[in-house]
Amino acid sequence: MAQIIAYQASVPSGIFGGTNVAIPVAPGFVTLADFGINLPSPANLVELKGTIGLSSQGSLVVQVTIRILRDGFPIYTTVQGIENNTFEVHYTVSELAIDFDVPAGFHVYSLQAQIAGGSASTQGPIEFSGTAITIP
């Protein structure tokens, strides 16, 4: 049976309108949330969940690159397109990533974003959590 050995979360904002962080144009990234987690023993996996409320300004479609780092190294990357049109400018993006075979010790996970061009910012919520699991 799987056993949870550690859990940690970072919630800079749990509500829409609770934050306004400009997302930089590539190659720069902005760290939206991060946390440290201490694993008393190796974990078969760390399940990472992130939620970001985004808003585009100006451009019709903005490509947002979202990535997760462990100890400064990217372990997950995806791209999400968001639109700015008459009907919709706000989006809530949720990501799920699995980090396998994580060694024991203290690790820092970071949730970051950048855009390919145009203009976008966070609007909230921003939530990021990790659950370390061992499977005997």
Protein backbone atom coordinates (compact mmCIF):
# COMPACT_ATOMS: atom_id res chain seq x y z
CA MET A 1 0.00 0.00 0.00
CA ALA A 2 1.27 3.47 -0.87
CA GLN A 3 2.39 5.68 2.01
CA ILE A 4 2.60 9.48 2.10
CA ILE A 5 5.94 10.44 3.62
CA ALA A 6 5.83 14.23 3.16
CA TYR A 7 3.56 17.03 1.98
CA GLN A 8 4.13 20.73 1.38
CA ALA A 9 2.23 23.60 -0.26
CA SER A 10 2.63 27.21 -1.27
CA VAL A 11 -0.44 29.40 -1.80
CA PRO A 12 0.56 32.97 -2.72
CA SER A 13 -3.12 33.65 -3.53
CA GLY A 14 -6.17 31.44 -3.20
CA ILE A 15 -8.61 33.80 -4.93
CA PHE A 16 -9.19 35.44 -8.30
CA GLY A 17 -7.95 39.03 -8.21
CA GLY A 18 -5.60 38.28 -5.31
CA THR A 19 -2.38 38.77 -7.26
CA ASN A 20 -1.05 40.61 -10.28
CA VAL A 21 2.37 39.37 -11.40
CA ALA A 22 3.55 40.28 -14.89
CA ILE A 23 4.81 37.23 -16.79
CA PRO A 24 8.04 38.04 -18.62
CA VAL A 25 8.75 37.43 -22.30
CA ALA A 26 11.23 34.61 -23.04
CA PRO A 27 13.97 33.91 -22.21
CA GLY A 28 13.16 35.09 -18.67
CA PHE A 29 10.95 33.17 -16.24
CA VAL A 30 9.15 34.40 -13.13
CA THR A 31 8.79 32.15 -10.08
CA LEU A 32 5.12 32.17 -9.09
CA ALA A 33 5.33 29.77 -6.13
CA ASP A 34 7.89 27.52 -4.49
CA PHE A 35 8.27 25.29 -1.47
CA GLY A 36 10.84 23.14 0.25
CA ILE A 37 10.07 19.56 1.20
CA ASN A 38 12.14 17.23 3.37
CA LEU A 39 11.99 13.56 2.43
CA PRO A 40 13.05 11.35 5.36
CA SER A 41 13.53 8.45 2.92
CA PRO A 42 13.63 8.13 -0.88
CA ALA A 43 10.25 8.63 -2.55
CA ASN A 44 9.03 6.54 -5.47
CA LEU A 45 7.32 9.69 -6.66
CA VAL A 46 6.39 13.23 -5.75
CA GLU A 47 3.02 14.31 -7.14
CA LEU A 48 3.08 18.03 -7.96
CA LYS A 49 -0.07 20.09 -8.50
CA GLY A 50 -0.14 23.68 -9.65
CA THR A 51 -2.97 26.11 -10.38
CA ILE A 52 -2.44 29.52 -11.96
CA GLY A 53 -5.06 32.16 -12.78
CA LEU A 54 -3.90 33.96 -15.94
CA SER A 55 -5.06 36.97 -17.92
CA SER A 56 -3.87 38.15 -21.35
CA GLN A 57 -3.66 41.79 -22.33
CA GLY A 58 -3.51 43.10 -25.88
CA SER A 59 -2.47 40.14 -28.03
CA LEU A 60 -5.10 37.83 -29.49
CA VAL A 61 -3.29 34.66 -28.35
CA VAL A 62 -0.47 34.46 -25.82
CA GLN A 63 1.59 31.28 -25.44
CA VAL A 64 2.47 30.72 -21.77
CA THR A 65 5.26 28.27 -20.95
CA ILE A 66 4.79 26.75 -17.50
CA ARG A 67 7.58 24.74 -15.90
CA ILE A 68 8.38 23.03 -12.63
CA LEU A 69 11.90 22.78 -11.27
CA ARG A 70 13.41 20.53 -8.61
CA ASP A 71 16.51 22.02 -6.99
CA GLY A 72 16.88 24.45 -9.90
CA PHE A 73 16.57 21.89 -12.72
CA PRO A 74 13.49 21.67 -14.98
CA ILE A 75 11.54 18.41 -14.58
CA TYR A 76 8.27 19.43 -16.30
CA THR A 77 7.39 21.89 -19.08
CA THR A 78 4.18 22.60 -20.96
CA VAL A 79 2.71 25.39 -23.09
CA GLN A 80 -0.76 26.85 -22.64
CA GLY A 81 -2.37 29.25 -25.11
CA ILE A 82 -4.62 31.97 -23.67
CA GLU A 83 -6.76 34.37 -25.70
CA ASN A 84 -7.77 37.96 -25.32
CA ASN A 85 -11.05 38.44 -27.12
CA THR A 86 -14.39 40.07 -26.53
CA PHE A 87 -15.70 37.13 -24.54
CA GLU A 88 -12.80 35.74 -22.52
CA VAL A 89 -9.54 37.08 -21.08
CA HIS A 90 -9.22 35.12 -17.82
CA TYR A 91 -8.06 31.49 -17.60
CA THR A 92 -7.36 29.10 -14.75
CA VAL A 93 -4.70 26.57 -15.68
CA SER A 94 -4.10 23.45 -13.58
CA GLU A 95 -1.08 21.20 -14.04
CA LEU A 96 -0.21 17.79 -12.63
CA ALA A 97 3.37 16.51 -12.79
CA ILE A 98 5.02 13.40 -11.36
CA ASP A 99 8.68 13.45 -10.26
CA PHE A 100 9.90 9.84 -10.05
CA ASP A 101 12.65 8.31 -7.86
CA VAL A 102 13.38 11.36 -5.73
CA PRO A 103 16.28 10.85 -3.29
CA ALA A 104 15.96 11.43 0.45
CA GLY A 105 16.81 14.91 1.73
CA PHE A 106 15.62 18.47 1.33
CA HIS A 107 14.39 19.57 -2.10
CA VAL A 108 13.04 22.86 -3.44
CA TYR A 109 10.29 22.79 -6.07
CA SER A 110 9.45 25.93 -8.08
CA LEU A 111 6.52 26.79 -10.36
CA GLN A 112 7.53 29.24 -13.10
CA ALA A 113 6.07 30.92 -16.18
CA GLN A 114 7.12 32.92 -19.23
CA ILE A 115 5.42 34.06 -22.44
CA ALA A 116 6.60 33.85 -26.05
CA GLY A 117 5.35 37.37 -26.82
CA GLY A 118 2.48 39.71 -26.08
CA SER A 119 1.43 40.49 -22.55
CA ALA A 120 0.03 38.35 -19.71
CA SER A 121 -0.15 38.38 -15.94
CA THR A 122 -1.43 36.32 -13.07
CA GLN A 123 -4.80 37.18 -11.57
CA GLY A 124 -4.99 34.45 -8.95
CA PRO A 125 -5.33 31.92 -7.69
CA ILE A 126 -1.73 30.66 -7.49
CA GLU A 127 -1.42 27.36 -5.65
CA PHE A 128 1.39 24.78 -5.75
CA SER A 129 1.72 21.58 -3.72
CA GLY A 130 3.72 18.38 -3.54
CA THR A 131 2.95 14.98 -2.02
CA ALA A 132 5.82 12.49 -1.62
CA ILE A 133 4.76 8.86 -1.83
CA THR A 134 6.56 5.56 -1.30
CA ILE A 135 5.23 2.30 -2.68
CA PRO A 136 6.71 -0.80 -1.01
